[in-house]
Amino acid sequence: MSGLGPMRRCAGLLLVLMMAMPALEARAEASLKIGYVNPGRVSDEAPQADAAREQLQEEFAPRDEEILSMQDSLRVLEDRLAERRLSLGQDEQEELQQQIVVQRRQIQRQQEAFREDFNMRRNEALGDLQRRILRVVAQFAEEQGFDLVVSDGVVYASDPVNITDRIIQRLQRQHEREQSDD
């Protein structure tokens, strides 16, 4: 079922091109300007992506450190049980084992909550980045007089048509302006 996504995008692109053909044919004599953007590369290389990753790291670092601390504490309990197993009484041994079980559960709950929160924030950040990239591409296309800009589902795009580097450069300039405004 996952293989249908690229097929649907390709079919959608073909449908858009077929619907646009009459308008494109009319403009053909006026030299049609088409561009291609590699969205994966833009997302990877845009400085806003690095800034979003750094912000997420900074935001979630304290919780990650807390989980690591809890894991260290659990290891201390497990080591204590292993070292003193023979010298501990049955009740003390069971109490220590119960503490270990409780702490493992706490760690698992903390890790699960951490993953859920992190994934939610990461998805928000990625959504924001994608919207920003789309705005920059649309603005660039309008300013440069492009008639059509395509992305996913492209099998080949020649260098003159590929505007990915120019989009990344524009995002870099935009990021630098935002940093100097802060």
N, C-alpha and C. Protein backbone atom coordinates (compact mmCIF):
# COMPACT_ATOMS: atom_id res chain seq x y z
N MET A 1 0.82 -1.20 0.00
CA MET A 1 0.00 0.00 0.00
C MET A 1 0.86 1.25 0.00
N SER A 2 2.08 1.19 0.61
CA SER A 2 2.93 2.37 0.68
C SER A 2 3.45 2.77 -0.70
N GLY A 3 3.49 1.86 -1.65
CA GLY A 3 3.95 2.17 -2.98
C GLY A 3 2.97 3.01 -3.77
N LEU A 4 1.75 3.16 -3.29
CA LEU A 4 0.75 3.94 -4.00
C LEU A 4 1.00 5.44 -3.89
N GLY A 5 1.67 5.90 -2.83
CA GLY A 5 1.91 7.33 -2.65
C GLY A 5 2.64 7.95 -3.83
N PRO A 6 3.81 7.42 -4.24
CA PRO A 6 4.50 7.99 -5.39
C PRO A 6 3.67 7.89 -6.68
N MET A 7 2.93 6.79 -6.83
CA MET A 7 2.10 6.64 -8.02
C MET A 7 1.01 7.69 -8.04
N ARG A 8 0.39 7.94 -6.91
CA ARG A 8 -0.66 8.95 -6.83
C ARG A 8 -0.10 10.33 -7.12
N ARG A 9 1.10 10.63 -6.55
CA ARG A 9 1.72 11.93 -6.81
C ARG A 9 2.02 12.09 -8.29
N CYS A 10 2.55 11.03 -8.91
CA CYS A 10 2.87 11.07 -10.33
C CYS A 10 1.59 11.26 -11.15
N ALA A 11 0.55 10.51 -10.79
CA ALA A 11 -0.73 10.65 -11.49
C ALA A 11 -1.29 12.05 -11.28
N GLY A 12 -1.16 12.58 -10.08
CA GLY A 12 -1.62 13.94 -9.80
C GLY A 12 -0.85 14.96 -10.61
N LEU A 13 0.47 14.78 -10.73
CA LEU A 13 1.29 15.68 -11.51
C LEU A 13 0.88 15.62 -12.98
N LEU A 14 0.66 14.42 -13.48
CA LEU A 14 0.22 14.27 -14.87
C LEU A 14 -1.13 14.95 -15.09
N LEU A 15 -2.04 14.79 -14.13
CA LEU A 15 -3.36 15.42 -14.25
C LEU A 15 -3.22 16.94 -14.28
N VAL A 16 -2.38 17.49 -13.42
CA VAL A 16 -2.16 18.93 -13.39
C VAL A 16 -1.58 19.39 -14.72
N LEU A 17 -0.60 18.64 -15.23
CA LEU A 17 0.01 19.01 -16.50
C LEU A 17 -1.00 18.95 -17.64
N MET A 18 -1.85 17.90 -17.64
CA MET A 18 -2.85 17.77 -18.70
C MET A 18 -3.86 18.91 -18.63
N MET A 19 -4.27 19.28 -17.42
CA MET A 19 -5.22 20.38 -17.27
C MET A 19 -4.59 21.71 -17.67
N ALA A 20 -3.30 21.83 -17.46
CA ALA A 20 -2.62 23.08 -17.76
C ALA A 20 -2.18 23.17 -19.22
N MET A 21 -2.27 22.07 -19.95
CA MET A 21 -1.77 22.03 -21.32
C MET A 21 -2.33 23.14 -22.20
N PRO A 22 -3.64 23.39 -22.21
CA PRO A 22 -4.12 24.48 -23.08
C PRO A 22 -3.44 25.81 -22.77
N ALA A 23 -3.33 26.14 -21.51
CA ALA A 23 -2.68 27.40 -21.13
C ALA A 23 -1.19 27.35 -21.46
N LEU A 24 -0.57 26.19 -21.26
CA LEU A 24 0.85 26.05 -21.54
C LEU A 24 1.12 26.15 -23.04
N GLU A 25 0.24 25.56 -23.85
CA GLU A 25 0.41 25.64 -25.30
C GLU A 25 0.32 27.07 -25.77
N ALA A 26 -0.60 27.82 -25.19
CA ALA A 26 -0.76 29.22 -25.57
C ALA A 26 0.50 30.02 -25.20
N ARG A 27 1.15 29.64 -24.11
CA ARG A 27 2.34 30.35 -23.67
C ARG A 27 3.61 29.80 -24.31
N ALA A 28 3.53 28.64 -24.96
CA ALA A 28 4.72 27.98 -25.50
C ALA A 28 5.49 28.92 -26.42
N GLU A 29 4.78 29.68 -27.21
CA GLU A 29 5.46 30.59 -28.11
C GLU A 29 6.13 31.72 -27.34
N ALA A 30 5.64 32.00 -26.14
CA ALA A 30 6.22 33.07 -25.33
C ALA A 30 7.27 32.52 -24.38
N SER A 31 7.82 31.36 -24.68
CA SER A 31 8.84 30.65 -23.90
C SER A 31 8.38 30.36 -22.47
N LEU A 32 7.98 29.16 -22.28
CA LEU A 32 7.50 28.64 -21.01
C LEU A 32 8.68 28.47 -20.06
N LYS A 33 8.53 28.89 -18.82
CA LYS A 33 9.60 28.79 -17.84
C LYS A 33 9.17 27.81 -16.75
N ILE A 34 9.90 26.67 -16.69
CA ILE A 34 9.60 25.60 -15.74
C ILE A 34 10.79 25.40 -14.82
N GLY A 35 10.51 25.15 -13.55
CA GLY A 35 11.57 24.92 -12.58
C GLY A 35 11.30 23.67 -11.77
N TYR A 36 12.35 23.13 -11.20
CA TYR A 36 12.26 21.93 -10.35
C TYR A 36 12.94 22.23 -9.03
N VAL A 37 12.32 21.78 -7.93
CA VAL A 37 12.90 21.92 -6.59
C VAL A 37 12.95 20.54 -5.95
N ASN A 38 14.10 20.21 -5.40
CA ASN A 38 14.28 18.96 -4.65
C ASN A 38 13.91 19.25 -3.19
N PRO A 39 12.69 18.89 -2.77
CA PRO A 39 12.25 19.27 -1.43
C PRO A 39 13.06 18.62 -0.31
N GLY A 40 13.53 17.41 -0.51
CA GLY A 40 14.33 16.75 0.52
C GLY A 40 15.64 17.46 0.75
N ARG A 41 16.27 17.86 -0.34
CA ARG A 41 17.54 18.58 -0.22
C ARG A 41 17.35 19.94 0.41
N VAL A 42 16.29 20.64 0.04
CA VAL A 42 16.02 21.94 0.64
C VAL A 42 15.80 21.79 2.14
N SER A 43 15.00 20.79 2.52
CA SER A 43 14.72 20.56 3.94
C SER A 43 15.99 20.22 4.71
N ASP A 44 16.89 19.47 4.07
CA ASP A 44 18.13 19.08 4.74
C ASP A 44 19.12 20.24 4.85
N GLU A 45 19.19 21.08 3.83
CA GLU A 45 20.25 22.08 3.76
C GLU A 45 19.82 23.47 4.21
N ALA A 46 18.55 23.70 4.38
CA ALA A 46 18.10 25.03 4.82
C ALA A 46 18.57 25.27 6.25
N PRO A 47 19.13 26.45 6.53
CA PRO A 47 19.59 26.73 7.90
C PRO A 47 18.44 26.71 8.91
N GLN A 48 17.23 26.95 8.44
CA GLN A 48 16.08 26.90 9.34
C GLN A 48 15.88 25.48 9.88
N ALA A 49 16.24 24.47 9.08
CA ALA A 49 16.13 23.08 9.54
C ALA A 49 17.12 22.83 10.67
N ASP A 50 18.36 23.33 10.50
CA ASP A 50 19.36 23.18 11.58
C ASP A 50 18.91 23.91 12.83
N ALA A 51 18.35 25.10 12.66
CA ALA A 51 17.89 25.89 13.81
C ALA A 51 16.76 25.15 14.53
N ALA A 52 15.85 24.53 13.77
CA ALA A 52 14.75 23.78 14.37
C ALA A 52 15.28 22.58 15.14
N ARG A 53 16.27 21.88 14.55
CA ARG A 53 16.86 20.72 15.23
C ARG A 53 17.54 21.15 16.53
N GLU A 54 18.27 22.26 16.48
CA GLU A 54 18.96 22.76 17.68
C GLU A 54 17.95 23.16 18.75
N GLN A 55 16.87 23.79 18.33
CA GLN A 55 15.85 24.21 19.29
C GLN A 55 15.20 22.99 19.95
N LEU A 56 14.92 21.96 19.16
CA LEU A 56 14.35 20.74 19.73
C LEU A 56 15.33 20.09 20.71
N GLN A 57 16.60 20.05 20.32
CA GLN A 57 17.62 19.47 21.19
C GLN A 57 17.68 20.23 22.52
N GLU A 58 17.68 21.53 22.43
CA GLU A 58 17.74 22.36 23.63
C GLU A 58 16.50 22.18 24.50
N GLU A 59 15.35 22.11 23.85
CA GLU A 59 14.09 21.97 24.57
C GLU A 59 13.99 20.63 25.29
N PHE A 60 14.49 19.56 24.66
CA PHE A 60 14.30 18.23 25.23
C PHE A 60 15.53 17.70 25.97
N ALA A 61 16.62 18.42 25.96
CA ALA A 61 17.83 17.97 26.65
C ALA A 61 17.61 17.74 28.15
N PRO A 62 16.93 18.63 28.87
CA PRO A 62 16.74 18.39 30.30
C PRO A 62 15.96 17.09 30.59
N ARG A 63 14.96 16.82 29.79
CA ARG A 63 14.19 15.59 30.00
C ARG A 63 15.02 14.36 29.67
N ASP A 64 15.85 14.47 28.64
CA ASP A 64 16.73 13.36 28.27
C ASP A 64 17.73 13.09 29.39
N GLU A 65 18.28 14.16 29.95
CA GLU A 65 19.23 14.01 31.06
C GLU A 65 18.56 13.39 32.28
N GLU A 66 17.30 13.76 32.52
CA GLU A 66 16.55 13.18 33.64
C GLU A 66 16.38 11.67 33.45
N ILE A 67 16.07 11.25 32.24
CA ILE A 67 15.91 9.82 31.96
C ILE A 67 17.24 9.10 32.14
N LEU A 68 18.32 9.71 31.66
CA LEU A 68 19.64 9.10 31.83
C LEU A 68 19.99 8.96 33.31
N SER A 69 19.65 9.96 34.09
CA SER A 69 19.89 9.92 35.53
C SER A 69 19.09 8.79 36.18
N MET A 70 17.84 8.65 35.76
CA MET A 70 17.00 7.57 36.29
C MET A 70 17.59 6.20 35.93
N GLN A 71 18.13 6.09 34.70
CA GLN A 71 18.73 4.82 34.28
C GLN A 71 19.99 4.52 35.10
N ASP A 72 20.76 5.56 35.39
CA ASP A 72 21.95 5.37 36.24
C ASP A 72 21.54 4.89 37.63
N SER A 73 20.50 5.50 38.17
CA SER A 73 20.01 5.10 39.49
C SER A 73 19.53 3.65 39.48
N LEU A 74 18.87 3.25 38.41
CA LEU A 74 18.42 1.86 38.27
C LEU A 74 19.62 0.92 38.23
N ARG A 75 20.66 1.29 37.50
CA ARG A 75 21.85 0.45 37.42
C ARG A 75 22.49 0.27 38.80
N VAL A 76 22.48 1.33 39.60
CA VAL A 76 23.04 1.25 40.95
C VAL A 76 22.25 0.22 41.77
N LEU A 77 20.91 0.28 41.67
CA LEU A 77 20.07 -0.69 42.39
C LEU A 77 20.33 -2.12 41.91
N GLU A 78 20.42 -2.27 40.59
CA GLU A 78 20.66 -3.62 40.04
C GLU A 78 22.02 -4.15 40.47
N ASP A 79 23.04 -3.27 40.48
CA ASP A 79 24.37 -3.69 40.92
C ASP A 79 24.36 -4.07 42.40
N ARG A 80 23.65 -3.28 43.20
CA ARG A 80 23.55 -3.57 44.63
C ARG A 80 22.91 -4.94 44.85
N LEU A 81 21.85 -5.22 44.10
CA LEU A 81 21.18 -6.52 44.23
C LEU A 81 22.12 -7.64 43.82
N ALA A 82 22.85 -7.46 42.72
CA ALA A 82 23.76 -8.50 42.24
C ALA A 82 24.90 -8.74 43.22
N GLU A 83 25.44 -7.66 43.80
CA GLU A 83 26.58 -7.78 44.71
C GLU A 83 26.18 -8.36 46.06
N ARG A 84 24.99 -8.03 46.53
CA ARG A 84 24.59 -8.42 47.88
C ARG A 84 23.55 -9.53 47.92
N ARG A 85 23.27 -10.12 46.80
CA ARG A 85 22.22 -11.14 46.72
C ARG A 85 22.40 -12.22 47.80
N LEU A 86 23.60 -12.67 47.99
CA LEU A 86 23.83 -13.76 48.95
C LEU A 86 23.78 -13.28 50.39
N SER A 87 24.11 -12.01 50.64
CA SER A 87 24.14 -11.52 52.02
C SER A 87 22.80 -10.91 52.46
N LEU A 88 21.90 -10.62 51.51
CA LEU A 88 20.61 -10.03 51.86
C LEU A 88 19.62 -11.11 52.30
N GLY A 89 18.77 -10.73 53.23
CA GLY A 89 17.69 -11.62 53.61
C GLY A 89 16.62 -11.64 52.51
N GLN A 90 15.72 -12.60 52.60
CA GLN A 90 14.67 -12.76 51.60
C GLN A 90 13.82 -11.49 51.47
N ASP A 91 13.42 -10.89 52.61
CA ASP A 91 12.59 -9.69 52.58
C ASP A 91 13.34 -8.51 51.94
N GLU A 92 14.60 -8.33 52.31
CA GLU A 92 15.39 -7.24 51.75
C GLU A 92 15.59 -7.42 50.25
N GLN A 93 15.82 -8.66 49.85
CA GLN A 93 16.01 -8.97 48.44
C GLN A 93 14.73 -8.67 47.64
N GLU A 94 13.58 -9.05 48.16
CA GLU A 94 12.31 -8.80 47.48
C GLU A 94 12.00 -7.31 47.42
N GLU A 95 12.33 -6.59 48.50
CA GLU A 95 12.11 -5.14 48.51
C GLU A 95 12.96 -4.45 47.45
N LEU A 96 14.21 -4.85 47.35
CA LEU A 96 15.11 -4.28 46.35
C LEU A 96 14.64 -4.63 44.93
N GLN A 97 14.20 -5.86 44.74
CA GLN A 97 13.67 -6.26 43.43
C GLN A 97 12.42 -5.44 43.08
N GLN A 98 11.57 -5.19 44.06
CA GLN A 98 10.37 -4.39 43.83
C GLN A 98 10.74 -2.95 43.45
N GLN A 99 11.75 -2.38 44.13
CA GLN A 99 12.21 -1.04 43.78
C GLN A 99 12.72 -0.99 42.33
N ILE A 100 13.41 -2.05 41.93
CA ILE A 100 13.93 -2.13 40.56
C ILE A 100 12.78 -2.18 39.56
N VAL A 101 11.77 -2.99 39.84
CA VAL A 101 10.62 -3.10 38.94
C VAL A 101 9.89 -1.76 38.82
N VAL A 102 9.68 -1.11 39.97
CA VAL A 102 8.99 0.19 39.97
C VAL A 102 9.79 1.21 39.18
N GLN A 103 11.10 1.23 39.38
CA GLN A 103 11.93 2.21 38.69
C GLN A 103 11.97 1.94 37.18
N ARG A 104 12.01 0.68 36.78
CA ARG A 104 11.97 0.35 35.35
C ARG A 104 10.68 0.87 34.71
N ARG A 105 9.57 0.68 35.41
CA ARG A 105 8.29 1.16 34.89
C ARG A 105 8.28 2.67 34.76
N GLN A 106 8.82 3.35 35.76
CA GLN A 106 8.89 4.81 35.70
C GLN A 106 9.72 5.28 34.50
N ILE A 107 10.83 4.61 34.30
CA ILE A 107 11.69 4.96 33.17
C ILE A 107 10.97 4.72 31.85
N GLN A 108 10.29 3.59 31.75
CA GLN A 108 9.56 3.30 30.51
C GLN A 108 8.48 4.34 30.25
N ARG A 109 7.75 4.75 31.29
CA ARG A 109 6.72 5.77 31.13
C ARG A 109 7.34 7.11 30.70
N GLN A 110 8.46 7.45 31.36
CA GLN A 110 9.15 8.70 31.01
C GLN A 110 9.65 8.67 29.56
N GLN A 111 10.21 7.54 29.14
CA GLN A 111 10.72 7.42 27.77
C GLN A 111 9.58 7.51 26.76
N GLU A 112 8.47 6.86 27.06
CA GLU A 112 7.33 6.89 26.15
C GLU A 112 6.76 8.31 26.04
N ALA A 113 6.61 8.99 27.16
CA ALA A 113 6.11 10.37 27.15
C ALA A 113 7.09 11.27 26.39
N PHE A 114 8.37 11.05 26.62
CA PHE A 114 9.42 11.82 25.94
C PHE A 114 9.30 11.64 24.43
N ARG A 115 9.21 10.38 23.97
CA ARG A 115 9.11 10.10 22.53
C ARG A 115 7.87 10.75 21.92
N GLU A 116 6.74 10.61 22.61
CA GLU A 116 5.49 11.20 22.10
C GLU A 116 5.61 12.72 21.99
N ASP A 117 6.09 13.36 23.04
CA ASP A 117 6.22 14.81 23.04
C ASP A 117 7.24 15.27 21.99
N PHE A 118 8.36 14.55 21.92
CA PHE A 118 9.40 14.91 20.95
C PHE A 118 8.87 14.77 19.53
N ASN A 119 8.20 13.66 19.24
CA ASN A 119 7.66 13.45 17.89
C ASN A 119 6.63 14.51 17.53
N MET A 120 5.79 14.88 18.48
CA MET A 120 4.79 15.90 18.23
C MET A 120 5.46 17.23 17.90
N ARG A 121 6.44 17.62 18.70
CA ARG A 121 7.14 18.89 18.47
C ARG A 121 7.95 18.85 17.17
N ARG A 122 8.57 17.70 16.90
CA ARG A 122 9.34 17.57 15.66
C ARG A 122 8.41 17.72 14.45
N ASN A 123 7.23 17.09 14.51
CA ASN A 123 6.27 17.20 13.41
C ASN A 123 5.79 18.64 13.24
N GLU A 124 5.58 19.33 14.35
CA GLU A 124 5.19 20.75 14.27
C GLU A 124 6.30 21.56 13.59
N ALA A 125 7.53 21.32 14.00
CA ALA A 125 8.67 22.06 13.44
C ALA A 125 8.83 21.75 11.95
N LEU A 126 8.68 20.48 11.59
CA LEU A 126 8.78 20.11 10.18
C LEU A 126 7.66 20.73 9.35
N GLY A 127 6.46 20.76 9.91
CA GLY A 127 5.33 21.39 9.22
C GLY A 127 5.59 22.87 9.00
N ASP A 128 6.10 23.54 10.03
CA ASP A 128 6.43 24.97 9.90
C ASP A 128 7.49 25.18 8.82
N LEU A 129 8.52 24.32 8.83
CA LEU A 129 9.59 24.43 7.85
C LEU A 129 9.05 24.20 6.44
N GLN A 130 8.21 23.20 6.26
CA GLN A 130 7.65 22.93 4.94
C GLN A 130 6.79 24.08 4.44
N ARG A 131 5.99 24.66 5.32
CA ARG A 131 5.18 25.81 4.92
C ARG A 131 6.07 26.99 4.52
N ARG A 132 7.13 27.20 5.28
CA ARG A 132 8.06 28.29 4.96
C ARG A 132 8.72 28.05 3.60
N ILE A 133 9.15 26.82 3.36
CA ILE A 133 9.78 26.49 2.08
C ILE A 133 8.81 26.72 0.93
N LEU A 134 7.58 26.28 1.08
CA LEU A 134 6.58 26.48 0.03
C LEU A 134 6.36 27.97 -0.25
N ARG A 135 6.31 28.79 0.81
CA ARG A 135 6.15 30.24 0.61
C ARG A 135 7.34 30.82 -0.15
N VAL A 136 8.55 30.39 0.21
CA VAL A 136 9.75 30.91 -0.45
C VAL A 136 9.78 30.48 -1.91
N VAL A 137 9.42 29.22 -2.18
CA VAL A 137 9.39 28.74 -3.57
C VAL A 137 8.36 29.52 -4.38
N ALA A 138 7.16 29.71 -3.82
CA ALA A 138 6.12 30.45 -4.54
C ALA A 138 6.56 31.89 -4.80
N GLN A 139 7.13 32.52 -3.80
CA GLN A 139 7.60 33.91 -3.95
C GLN A 139 8.71 33.99 -5.00
N PHE A 140 9.65 33.07 -4.91
CA PHE A 140 10.75 33.02 -5.88
C PHE A 140 10.22 32.82 -7.29
N ALA A 141 9.29 31.88 -7.45
CA ALA A 141 8.73 31.58 -8.77
C ALA A 141 8.03 32.80 -9.35
N GLU A 142 7.27 33.50 -8.54
CA GLU A 142 6.58 34.70 -9.01
C GLU A 142 7.58 35.78 -9.41
N GLU A 143 8.58 36.01 -8.56
CA GLU A 143 9.57 37.06 -8.84
C GLU A 143 10.39 36.75 -10.08
N GLN A 144 10.68 35.47 -10.30
CA GLN A 144 11.54 35.08 -11.42
C GLN A 144 10.75 34.74 -12.69
N GLY A 145 9.43 34.82 -12.61
CA GLY A 145 8.59 34.60 -13.79
C GLY A 145 8.44 33.14 -14.20
N PHE A 146 8.46 32.23 -13.24
CA PHE A 146 8.26 30.82 -13.57
C PHE A 146 6.78 30.56 -13.80
N ASP A 147 6.49 29.72 -14.79
CA ASP A 147 5.12 29.33 -15.08
C ASP A 147 4.73 28.08 -14.29
N LEU A 148 5.71 27.24 -14.01
CA LEU A 148 5.45 25.98 -13.32
C LEU A 148 6.69 25.58 -12.54
N VAL A 149 6.50 25.19 -11.28
CA VAL A 149 7.58 24.64 -10.47
C VAL A 149 7.09 23.30 -9.94
N VAL A 150 7.86 22.24 -10.17
CA VAL A 150 7.48 20.89 -9.73
C VAL A 150 8.49 20.40 -8.70
N SER A 151 8.08 19.36 -7.96
CA SER A 151 9.00 18.79 -6.97
C SER A 151 8.93 17.27 -7.02
N ASP A 152 8.23 16.64 -6.09
CA ASP A 152 8.19 15.18 -6.00
C ASP A 152 7.68 14.55 -7.29
N GLY A 153 8.14 13.35 -7.54
CA GLY A 153 7.67 12.59 -8.69
C GLY A 153 8.40 12.91 -9.97
N VAL A 154 9.44 13.73 -9.92
CA VAL A 154 10.20 14.08 -11.11
C VAL A 154 11.29 13.04 -11.32
N VAL A 155 11.34 12.49 -12.51
CA VAL A 155 12.34 11.48 -12.83
C VAL A 155 13.66 12.14 -13.23
N TYR A 156 13.57 13.25 -13.93
CA TYR A 156 14.77 13.94 -14.39
C TYR A 156 14.50 15.43 -14.45
N ALA A 157 15.48 16.20 -14.05
CA ALA A 157 15.42 17.65 -14.20
C ALA A 157 16.82 18.13 -14.56
N SER A 158 16.94 18.84 -15.66
CA SER A 158 18.25 19.35 -16.08
C SER A 158 18.69 20.48 -15.15
N ASP A 159 19.98 20.77 -15.17
CA ASP A 159 20.52 21.81 -14.30
C ASP A 159 19.86 23.17 -14.52
N PRO A 160 19.62 23.59 -15.74
CA PRO A 160 18.98 24.90 -15.91
C PRO A 160 17.58 24.99 -15.30
N VAL A 161 16.91 23.87 -15.20
CA VAL A 161 15.55 23.86 -14.66
C VAL A 161 15.56 23.71 -13.14
N ASN A 162 16.62 23.14 -12.60
CA ASN A 162 16.70 22.86 -11.17
C ASN A 162 17.01 24.15 -10.40
N ILE A 163 16.05 24.62 -9.63
CA ILE A 163 16.22 25.86 -8.88
C ILE A 163 16.48 25.60 -7.39
N THR A 164 16.78 24.37 -7.03
CA THR A 164 16.97 23.99 -5.63
C THR A 164 18.04 24.84 -4.95
N ASP A 165 19.20 25.01 -5.61
CA ASP A 165 20.29 25.79 -5.00
C ASP A 165 19.85 27.23 -4.74
N ARG A 166 19.11 27.80 -5.66
CA ARG A 166 18.66 29.19 -5.48
C ARG A 166 17.66 29.31 -4.33
N ILE A 167 16.83 28.29 -4.15
CA ILE A 167 15.87 28.30 -3.03
C ILE A 167 16.63 28.19 -1.71
N ILE A 168 17.62 27.31 -1.67
CA ILE A 168 18.43 27.15 -0.44
C ILE A 168 19.15 28.46 -0.13
N GLN A 169 19.70 29.11 -1.15
CA GLN A 169 20.40 30.39 -0.94
C GLN A 169 19.44 31.44 -0.40
N ARG A 170 18.23 31.46 -0.92
CA ARG A 170 17.24 32.44 -0.46
C ARG A 170 16.88 32.16 1.00
N LEU A 171 16.71 30.89 1.34
CA LEU A 171 16.40 30.53 2.73
C LEU A 171 17.57 30.91 3.65
N GLN A 172 18.80 30.74 3.17
CA GLN A 172 19.97 31.12 3.96
C GLN A 172 19.99 32.63 4.21
N ARG A 173 19.73 33.41 3.17
CA ARG A 173 19.70 34.87 3.35
C ARG A 173 18.59 35.27 4.32
N GLN A 174 17.45 34.63 4.18
CA GLN A 174 16.32 34.92 5.06
C GLN A 174 16.68 34.60 6.51
N HIS A 175 17.35 33.46 6.71
CA HIS A 175 17.77 33.05 8.06
C HIS A 175 18.78 34.04 8.63
N GLU A 176 19.73 34.48 7.81
CA GLU A 176 20.73 35.44 8.27
C GLU A 176 20.08 36.76 8.68
N ARG A 177 19.10 37.21 7.90
CA ARG A 177 18.38 38.45 8.26
C ARG A 177 17.66 38.27 9.59
N GLU A 178 17.02 37.12 9.78
CA GLU A 178 16.30 36.87 11.03
C GLU A 178 17.26 36.83 12.21
N GLN A 179 18.43 36.26 12.02
CA GLN A 179 19.43 36.19 13.09
C GLN A 179 19.98 37.57 13.43
N SER A 180 20.14 38.41 12.44
CA SER A 180 20.67 39.75 12.71
C SER A 180 19.62 40.65 13.35
N ASP A 181 18.33 40.34 13.14
CA ASP A 181 17.26 41.09 13.76
C ASP A 181 17.11 40.77 15.25
N ASP A 182 17.58 39.58 15.66
CA ASP A 182 17.45 39.17 17.06
C ASP A 182 18.41 39.84 17.94
